[in-house]
PDB file of N, CA and C in Angstrom:
ATOM      1  N   UNK A   1       1.378   1.482 -20.678  1.00  0.00           N
ATOM      2  CA  UNK A   1       0.139   0.315 -20.210  1.00  0.00           C
ATOM      3  C   UNK A   1       0.716  -0.913 -19.888  1.00  0.00           C
ATOM      4  N   UNK A   2      -0.109  -1.574 -18.782  1.00  0.00           N
ATOM      5  CA  UNK A   2       0.734  -2.265 -18.203  1.00  0.00           C
ATOM      6  C   UNK A   2      -0.415  -3.564 -18.338  1.00  0.00           C
ATOM      7  N   UNK A   3       0.222  -4.506 -19.429  1.00  0.00           N
ATOM      8  CA  UNK A   3      -0.767  -6.001 -20.127  1.00  0.00           C
ATOM      9  C   UNK A   3      -0.324  -7.271 -19.338  1.00  0.00           C
ATOM     10  N   UNK A   4      -0.631  -7.742 -18.330  1.00  0.00           N
ATOM     11  CA  UNK A   4      -0.583  -8.348 -17.273  1.00  0.00           C
ATOM     12  C   UNK A   4      -0.666 -10.277 -18.273  1.00  0.00           C
ATOM     13  N   UNK A   5       0.376 -11.019 -17.825  1.00  0.00           N
ATOM     14  CA  UNK A   5       0.445 -12.586 -18.709  1.00  0.00           C
ATOM     15  C   UNK A   5       0.033 -12.769 -19.921  1.00  0.00           C
ATOM     16  N   UNK A   6       1.080 -12.360 -20.330  1.00  0.00           N
ATOM     17  CA  UNK A   6       0.814 -12.242 -21.879  1.00  0.00           C
ATOM     18  C   UNK A   6       1.601 -13.285 -22.853  1.00  0.00           C
ATOM     19  N   UNK A   7       1.820 -14.553 -22.698  1.00  0.00           N
ATOM     20  CA  UNK A   7       2.610 -15.655 -23.222  1.00  0.00           C
ATOM     21  C   UNK A   7       2.977 -15.050 -24.233  1.00  0.00           C
ATOM     22  N   UNK A   8       4.517 -15.679 -24.279  1.00  0.00           N
ATOM     23  CA  UNK A   8       5.704 -15.960 -25.233  1.00  0.00           C
ATOM     24  C   UNK A   8       4.785 -16.265 -26.413  1.00  0.00           C
ATOM     25  N   UNK A   9       5.830 -15.491 -27.276  1.00  0.00           N
ATOM     26  CA  UNK A   9       5.139 -15.361 -28.793  1.00  0.00           C
ATOM     27  C   UNK A   9       5.649 -14.243 -30.106  1.00  0.00           C
ATOM     28  N   UNK A  10       5.062 -15.013 -31.260  1.00  0.00           N
ATOM     29  CA  UNK A  10       5.288 -13.424 -32.300  1.00  0.00           C
ATOM     30  C   UNK A  10       3.936 -12.822 -32.043  1.00  0.00           C
ATOM     31  N   UNK A  11       3.776 -11.859 -31.652  1.00  0.00           N
ATOM     32  CA  UNK A  11       2.550 -10.648 -31.854  1.00  0.00           C
ATOM     33  C   UNK A  11       3.029  -9.575 -33.323  1.00  0.00           C
ATOM     34  N   UNK A  12       1.359  -9.221 -33.825  1.00  0.00           N
ATOM     35  CA  UNK A  12       2.048  -7.312 -34.413  1.00  0.00           C
ATOM     36  C   UNK A  12       0.583  -6.861 -33.673  1.00  0.00           C
ATOM     37  N   UNK A  13       1.587  -6.074 -33.445  1.00  0.00           N
ATOM     38  CA  UNK A  13       0.905  -4.415 -32.269  1.00  0.00           C
ATOM     39  C   UNK A  13       0.735  -3.367 -33.406  1.00  0.00           C
ATOM     40  N   UNK A  14      -0.374  -3.545 -33.794  1.00  0.00           N
ATOM     41  CA  UNK A  14      -0.975  -2.442 -34.301  1.00  0.00           C
ATOM     42  C   UNK A  14      -1.054  -1.421 -33.467  1.00  0.00           C
ATOM     43  N   UNK A  15      -1.258  -0.225 -34.304  1.00  0.00           N
ATOM     44  CA  UNK A  15      -1.180   1.583 -33.696  1.00  0.00           C
ATOM     45  C   UNK A  15      -1.632   2.261 -34.438  1.00  0.00           C
ATOM     46  N   UNK A  16      -3.081   2.701 -34.159  1.00  0.00           N
ATOM     47  CA  UNK A  16      -4.022   3.422 -35.274  1.00  0.00           C
ATOM     48  C   UNK A  16      -4.090   4.948 -34.063  1.00  0.00           C
ATOM     49  N   UNK A  17      -3.356   5.975 -34.203  1.00  0.00           N
ATOM     50  CA  UNK A  17      -3.477   7.541 -34.140  1.00  0.00           C
ATOM     51  C   UNK A  17      -4.864   7.959 -34.059  1.00  0.00           C
ATOM     52  N   UNK A  18      -5.656   8.319 -33.524  1.00  0.00           N
ATOM     53  CA  UNK A  18      -6.556   8.857 -33.128  1.00  0.00           C
ATOM     54  C   UNK A  18      -7.130  10.504 -33.108  1.00  0.00           C
ATOM     55  N   UNK A  19      -6.511  11.064 -34.631  1.00  0.00           N
ATOM     56  CA  UNK A  19      -6.552  12.672 -34.364  1.00  0.00           C
ATOM     57  C   UNK A  19      -6.960  13.132 -35.887  1.00  0.00           C
ATOM     58  N   UNK A  20      -7.277  14.355 -36.211  1.00  0.00           N
ATOM     59  CA  UNK A  20      -7.789  15.193 -37.371  1.00  0.00           C
ATOM     60  C   UNK A  20      -6.582  14.707 -38.273  1.00  0.00           C
ATOM     61  N   UNK A  21      -6.879  14.312 -39.792  1.00  0.00           N
ATOM     62  CA  UNK A  21      -5.917  14.137 -40.640  1.00  0.00           C
ATOM     63  C   UNK A  21      -4.597  15.134 -41.209  1.00  0.00           C
ATOM     64  N   UNK A  22      -5.004  16.242 -40.705  1.00  0.00           N
ATOM     65  CA  UNK A  22      -4.459  17.568 -41.022  1.00  0.00           C
ATOM     66  C   UNK A  22      -3.145  17.388 -39.740  1.00  0.00           C
ATOM     67  N   UNK A  23      -3.370  16.759 -38.768  1.00  0.00           N
ATOM     68  CA  UNK A  23      -2.058  17.082 -37.533  1.00  0.00           C
ATOM     69  C   UNK A  23      -1.579  15.434 -38.114  1.00  0.00           C
ATOM     70  N   UNK A  24      -2.234  14.954 -38.555  1.00  0.00           N
ATOM     71  CA  UNK A  24      -1.926  13.134 -38.510  1.00  0.00           C
ATOM     72  C   UNK A  24      -0.428  13.422 -39.393  1.00  0.00           C
ATOM     73  N   UNK A  25      -0.397  14.020 -40.543  1.00  0.00           N
ATOM     74  CA  UNK A  25       0.658  13.964 -41.538  1.00  0.00           C
ATOM     75  C   UNK A  25       2.382  14.382 -40.555  1.00  0.00           C
ATOM     76  N   UNK A  26       1.830  15.277 -39.617  1.00  0.00           N
ATOM     77  CA  UNK A  26       2.947  16.154 -38.853  1.00  0.00           C
ATOM     78  C   UNK A  26       3.478  15.531 -37.706  1.00  0.00           C
ATOM     79  N   UNK A  27       2.573  14.459 -37.557  1.00  0.00           N
ATOM     80  CA  UNK A  27       3.051  13.539 -36.337  1.00  0.00           C
ATOM     81  C   UNK A  27       3.828  12.517 -36.167  1.00  0.00           C
ATOM     82  N   UNK A  28       5.060  12.654 -35.226  1.00  0.00           N
ATOM     83  CA  UNK A  28       5.782  11.469 -35.191  1.00  0.00           C
ATOM     84  C   UNK A  28       6.139  11.089 -33.648  1.00  0.00           C
ATOM     85  N   UNK A  29       5.988   9.457 -33.724  1.00  0.00           N
ATOM     86  CA  UNK A  29       6.099   9.537 -32.137  1.00  0.00           C
ATOM     87  C   UNK A  29       7.054   7.834 -32.128  1.00  0.00           C
ATOM     88  N   UNK A  30       6.963   7.969 -30.817  1.00  0.00           N
ATOM     89  CA  UNK A  30       7.729   6.350 -30.576  1.00  0.00           C
ATOM     90  C   UNK A  30       7.538   5.294 -29.869  1.00  0.00           C
ATOM     91  N   UNK A  31       7.521   4.184 -30.019  1.00  0.00           N
ATOM     92  CA  UNK A  31       6.751   3.181 -28.866  1.00  0.00           C
ATOM     93  C   UNK A  31       8.180   2.073 -28.952  1.00  0.00           C
ATOM     94  N   UNK A  32       8.146   1.966 -27.243  1.00  0.00           N
ATOM     95  CA  UNK A  32       8.829   1.288 -26.362  1.00  0.00           C
ATOM     96  C   UNK A  32       8.226   0.094 -25.925  1.00  0.00           C
ATOM     97  N   UNK A  33       8.389  -1.327 -26.107  1.00  0.00           N
ATOM     98  CA  UNK A  33       7.748  -2.544 -25.728  1.00  0.00           C
ATOM     99  C   UNK A  33       8.618  -3.101 -24.891  1.00  0.00           C
ATOM    100  N   UNK A  34       8.534  -3.592 -23.497  1.00  0.00           N
ATOM    101  CA  UNK A  34       9.341  -4.110 -22.414  1.00  0.00           C
ATOM    102  C   UNK A  34       8.590  -5.335 -22.135  1.00  0.00           C
ATOM    103  N   UNK A  35       9.386  -6.234 -21.463  1.00  0.00           N
ATOM    104  CA  UNK A  35       8.367  -7.361 -21.318  1.00  0.00           C
ATOM    105  C   UNK A  35       9.258  -8.090 -19.355  1.00  0.00           C
ATOM    106  N   UNK A  36       8.486  -8.757 -19.015  1.00  0.00           N
ATOM    107  CA  UNK A  36       8.904  -8.978 -17.784  1.00  0.00           C
ATOM    108  C   UNK A  36       9.454  -7.379 -17.066  1.00  0.00           C
ATOM    109  N   UNK A  37       8.246  -6.926 -16.812  1.00  0.00           N
ATOM    110  CA  UNK A  37       8.910  -5.697 -15.648  1.00  0.00           C
ATOM    111  C   UNK A  37       8.457  -5.615 -14.822  1.00  0.00           C
ATOM    112  N   UNK A  38       8.988  -5.956 -13.628  1.00  0.00           N
ATOM    113  CA  UNK A  38       8.729  -6.070 -12.617  1.00  0.00           C
ATOM    114  C   UNK A  38       7.981  -4.942 -11.296  1.00  0.00           C
ATOM    115  N   UNK A  39       6.490  -5.241 -11.204  1.00  0.00           N
ATOM    116  CA  UNK A  39       5.858  -4.217 -10.282  1.00  0.00           C
ATOM    117  C   UNK A  39       5.899  -4.028  -9.473  1.00  0.00           C
ATOM    118  N   UNK A  40       5.731  -3.230  -8.259  1.00  0.00           N
ATOM    119  CA  UNK A  40       5.310  -2.517  -6.495  1.00  0.00           C
ATOM    120  C   UNK A  40       4.710  -3.487  -6.084  1.00  0.00           C
ATOM    121  N   UNK A  41       3.641  -3.574  -6.660  1.00  0.00           N
ATOM    122  CA  UNK A  41       1.969  -4.140  -6.263  1.00  0.00           C
ATOM    123  C   UNK A  41       2.342  -5.249  -5.388  1.00  0.00           C
ATOM    124  N   UNK A  42       3.205  -6.661  -5.678  1.00  0.00           N
ATOM    125  CA  UNK A  42       3.370  -7.461  -4.713  1.00  0.00           C
ATOM    126  C   UNK A  42       4.176  -7.031  -3.272  1.00  0.00           C
ATOM    127  N   UNK A  43       5.010  -6.373  -3.437  1.00  0.00           N
ATOM    128  CA  UNK A  43       5.972  -5.744  -2.522  1.00  0.00           C
ATOM    129  C   UNK A  43       5.097  -5.189  -1.585  1.00  0.00           C
ATOM    130  N   UNK A  44       4.481  -3.697  -2.089  1.00  0.00           N
ATOM    131  CA  UNK A  44       3.890  -3.092  -1.051  1.00  0.00           C
ATOM    132  C   UNK A  44       2.152  -4.038  -0.203  1.00  0.00           C
ATOM    133  N   UNK A  45       1.503  -4.922  -0.499  1.00  0.00           N
ATOM    134  CA  UNK A  45       0.993  -6.165  -0.191  1.00  0.00           C
ATOM    135  C   UNK A  45       1.625  -6.927   0.412  1.00  0.00           C
ATOM    136  N   UNK A  46       3.042  -7.628   0.035  1.00  0.00           N
ATOM    137  CA  UNK A  46       3.508  -8.149   1.551  1.00  0.00           C
ATOM    138  C   UNK A  46       3.985  -7.465   2.890  1.00  0.00           C
ATOM    139  N   UNK A  47       4.433  -5.673   2.650  1.00  0.00           N
ATOM    140  CA  UNK A  47       4.653  -4.823   3.573  1.00  0.00           C
ATOM    141  C   UNK A  47       3.324  -4.935   4.430  1.00  0.00           C
ATOM    142  N   UNK A  48       2.265  -4.739   3.656  1.00  0.00           N
ATOM    143  CA  UNK A  48       1.413  -4.374   4.893  1.00  0.00           C
ATOM    144  C   UNK A  48       1.030  -5.624   5.509  1.00  0.00           C
ATOM    145  N   UNK A  49       0.980  -6.830   5.384  1.00  0.00           N
ATOM    146  CA  UNK A  49       0.298  -7.982   5.582  1.00  0.00           C
ATOM    147  C   UNK A  49       1.832  -8.271   6.993  1.00  0.00           C
ATOM    148  N   UNK A  50       3.085  -7.447   6.132  1.00  0.00           N
ATOM    149  CA  UNK A  50       4.033  -8.318   7.539  1.00  0.00           C
ATOM    150  C   UNK A  50       3.890  -6.981   8.615  1.00  0.00           C
ATOM    151  N   UNK A  51       3.289  -6.021   8.151  1.00  0.00           N
ATOM    152  CA  UNK A  51       2.986  -4.983   9.338  1.00  0.00           C
ATOM    153  C   UNK A  51       1.816  -5.440  10.634  1.00  0.00           C
ATOM    154  N   UNK A  52       0.899  -6.575   9.784  1.00  0.00           N
ATOM    155  CA  UNK A  52      -0.196  -6.542  11.040  1.00  0.00           C
ATOM    156  C   UNK A  52      -0.203  -6.982  11.961  1.00  0.00           C
ATOM    157  N   UNK A  53       0.970  -8.629  12.415  1.00  0.00           N
ATOM    158  CA  UNK A  53       1.614  -8.639  13.631  1.00  0.00           C
ATOM    159  C   UNK A  53       2.043  -7.794  14.459  1.00  0.00           C
ATOM    160  N   UNK A  54       2.883  -6.544  14.188  1.00  0.00           N
ATOM    161  CA  UNK A  54       3.376  -6.244  14.737  1.00  0.00           C
ATOM    162  C   UNK A  54       2.453  -4.904  15.467  1.00  0.00           C
ATOM    163  N   UNK A  55       1.574  -4.074  14.706  1.00  0.00           N
ATOM    164  CA  UNK A  55       0.749  -3.572  14.900  1.00  0.00           C
ATOM    165  C   UNK A  55      -0.613  -4.316  16.155  1.00  0.00           C
ATOM    166  N   UNK A  56      -1.112  -5.305  15.622  1.00  0.00           N
ATOM    167  CA  UNK A  56      -1.953  -6.192  16.620  1.00  0.00           C
ATOM    168  C   UNK A  56      -1.314  -6.063  17.804  1.00  0.00           C
ATOM    169  N   UNK A  57       0.308  -6.584  18.114  1.00  0.00           N
ATOM    170  CA  UNK A  57       0.842  -6.838  19.387  1.00  0.00           C
ATOM    171  C   UNK A  57       1.006  -5.437  20.513  1.00  0.00           C
ATOM    172  N   UNK A  58       1.413  -4.490  19.150  1.00  0.00           N
ATOM    173  CA  UNK A  58       1.407  -3.384  20.086  1.00  0.00           C
ATOM    174  C   UNK A  58      -0.209  -2.802  20.870  1.00  0.00           C
ATOM    175  N   UNK A  59      -0.807  -2.882  20.084  1.00  0.00           N
ATOM    176  CA  UNK A  59      -2.276  -2.471  21.195  1.00  0.00           C
ATOM    177  C   UNK A  59      -2.947  -3.667  21.517  1.00  0.00           C
ATOM    178  N   UNK A  60      -2.374  -4.734  21.553  1.00  0.00           N
ATOM    179  CA  UNK A  60      -2.920  -5.701  22.779  1.00  0.00           C
ATOM    180  C   UNK A  60      -1.705  -4.923  23.869  1.00  0.00           C
ATOM    181  N   UNK A  61      -0.382  -5.249  23.753  1.00  0.00           N
ATOM    182  CA  UNK A  61       0.537  -4.696  24.794  1.00  0.00           C
ATOM    183  C   UNK A  61      -0.148  -3.262  25.633  1.00  0.00           C
ATOM    184  N   UNK A  62      -0.326  -2.347  24.905  1.00  0.00           N
ATOM    185  CA  UNK A  62      -0.821  -0.572  24.901  1.00  0.00           C
ATOM    186  C   UNK A  62      -2.074  -1.122  25.964  1.00  0.00           C
ATOM    187  N   UNK A  63      -3.161  -2.067  25.929  1.00  0.00           N
ATOM    188  CA  UNK A  63      -4.078  -2.135  26.103  1.00  0.00           C
ATOM    189  C   UNK A  63      -4.119  -2.895  27.951  1.00  0.00           C
ATOM    190  N   UNK A  64      -3.226  -3.770  27.711  1.00  0.00           N
ATOM    191  CA  UNK A  64      -2.517  -4.671  28.736  1.00  0.00           C
ATOM    192  C   UNK A  64      -1.841  -3.920  30.095  1.00  0.00           C
ATOM    193  N   UNK A  65      -0.940  -2.757  29.511  1.00  0.00           N
ATOM    194  CA  UNK A  65      -0.163  -1.756  30.351  1.00  0.00           C
ATOM    195  C   UNK A  65      -1.404  -0.807  30.990  1.00  0.00           C
ATOM    196  N   UNK A  66      -2.517  -0.696  29.969  1.00  0.00           N
ATOM    197  CA  UNK A  66      -3.429   0.473  30.145  1.00  0.00           C
ATOM    198  C   UNK A  66      -4.225   0.094  31.548  1.00  0.00           C
ATOM    199  N   UNK A  67      -4.518  -1.260  31.446  1.00  0.00           N
ATOM    200  CA  UNK A  67      -5.093  -2.108  32.517  1.00  0.00           C
ATOM    201  C   UNK A  67      -4.205  -2.152  33.640  1.00  0.00           C
ATOM    202  N   UNK A  68      -3.300  -2.553  33.654  1.00  0.00           N
ATOM    203  CA  UNK A  68      -2.728  -2.596  34.735  1.00  0.00           C
ATOM    204  C   UNK A  68      -2.359  -1.496  35.606  1.00  0.00           C
ATOM    205  N   UNK A  69      -2.454  -0.934  34.762  1.00  0.00           N
ATOM    206  CA  UNK A  69      -1.894   0.713  35.582  1.00  0.00           C
ATOM    207  C   UNK A  69      -3.322   1.064  36.436  1.00  0.00           C
ATOM    208  N   UNK A  70      -4.491   0.815  35.466  1.00  0.00           N
ATOM    209  CA  UNK A  70      -5.746   1.075  36.073  1.00  0.00           C
ATOM    210  C   UNK A  70      -5.663   0.414  37.920  1.00  0.00           C
ATOM    211  N   UNK A  71      -5.660  -0.824  37.841  1.00  0.00           N
ATOM    212  CA  UNK A  71      -6.090  -1.748  38.439  1.00  0.00           C
ATOM    213  C   UNK A  71      -4.596  -1.385  39.879  1.00  0.00           C
ATOM    214  N   UNK A  72      -4.263  -0.321  39.444  1.00  0.00           N
ATOM    215  CA  UNK A  72      -2.779  -0.290  40.366  1.00  0.00           C
ATOM    216  C   UNK A  72      -2.831   0.846  41.512  1.00  0.00           C
ATOM    217  N   UNK A  73      -1.858   1.069  42.893  1.00  0.00           N
ATOM    218  CA  UNK A  73      -2.126   2.064  43.678  1.00  0.00           C
ATOM    219  C   UNK A  73      -1.683   3.376  43.177  1.00  0.00           C
ATOM    220  N   UNK A  74      -0.975   3.102  42.252  1.00  0.00           N
ATOM    221  CA  UNK A  74      -0.176   4.227  41.914  1.00  0.00           C
ATOM    222  C   UNK A  74      -0.828   4.946  40.232  1.00  0.00           C
ATOM    223  N   UNK A  75      -1.813   4.982  40.167  1.00  0.00           N
ATOM    224  CA  UNK A  75      -2.087   4.979  39.091  1.00  0.00           C
ATOM    225  C   UNK A  75      -2.179   6.424  38.269  1.00  0.00           C
ATOM    226  N   UNK A  76      -1.931   6.873  37.255  1.00  0.00           N
ATOM    227  CA  UNK A  76      -0.899   7.901  36.650  1.00  0.00           C
ATOM    228  C   UNK A  76      -2.787   8.835  36.700  1.00  0.00           C
ATOM    229  N   UNK A  77      -3.385   8.517  35.949  1.00  0.00           N
ATOM    230  CA  UNK A  77      -4.635   9.105  35.453  1.00  0.00           C
ATOM    231  C   UNK A  77      -6.040   8.450  36.192  1.00  0.00           C
ATOM    232  N   UNK A  78      -6.931   9.549  36.503  1.00  0.00           N
ATOM    233  CA  UNK A  78      -8.371   8.611  36.528  1.00  0.00           C
ATOM    234  C   UNK A  78      -8.569   8.254  38.073  1.00  0.00           C
ATOM    235  N   UNK A  79      -7.272   8.433  38.832  1.00  0.00           N
ATOM    236  CA  UNK A  79      -7.281   8.205  40.314  1.00  0.00           C
ATOM    237  C   UNK A  79      -8.116   9.223  41.012  1.00  0.00           C
ATOM    238  N   UNK A  80      -8.702   8.440  42.185  1.00  0.00           N
ATOM    239  CA  UNK A  80      -9.431   9.192  42.801  1.00  0.00           C
ATOM    240  C   UNK A  80      -8.993   9.365  44.399  1.00  0.00           C
ATOM    241  N   UNK A  81      -9.050  10.673  44.989  1.00  0.00           N
ATOM    242  CA  UNK A  81      -8.121  11.048  45.533  1.00  0.00           C
ATOM    243  C   UNK A  81      -9.670  10.285  46.979  1.00  0.00           C
ATOM    244  N   UNK A  82      -8.693   9.871  48.540  1.00  0.00           N
ATOM    245  CA  UNK A  82      -9.463   9.084  49.131  1.00  0.00           C
ATOM    246  C   UNK A  82     -10.031  10.150  49.845  1.00  0.00           C
ATOM    247  N   UNK A  83      -9.548  11.585  49.892  1.00  0.00           N
ATOM    248  CA  UNK A  83      -9.985  12.368  50.151  1.00  0.00           C
ATOM    249  C   UNK A  83      -9.720  12.595  52.577  1.00  0.00           C
ATOM    250  N   UNK A  84      -9.236  13.351  53.019  1.00  0.00           N
ATOM    251  CA  UNK A  84      -8.679  12.846  54.295  1.00  0.00           C
ATOM    252  C   UNK A  84     -10.440  14.172  55.200  1.00  0.00           C
ATOM    253  N   UNK A  85     -11.604  13.538  55.708  1.00  0.00           N
ATOM    254  CA  UNK A  85     -12.800  14.662  56.219  1.00  0.00           C
ATOM    255  C   UNK A  85     -12.392  15.250  57.388  1.00  0.00           C
TER     256      UNK A  85
END
């Protein structure tokens, strides 16, 4: 469990297991507490934000090239044949 923004200081951690009393006597567990552990959330947010300009530029360039080829005499797709009657 990650608990963000807990100020420095002395704290008492109280753990109360919820189980039947007959199991409670034989239950052993260990607790580890770590402070200032980095999370990858901000990395992925930054990565997504950095990908927006290249994606936008690629789509814009592809749209431009498609429109340019449509106006060309050598259009590869959708070209209408002049037909020699």
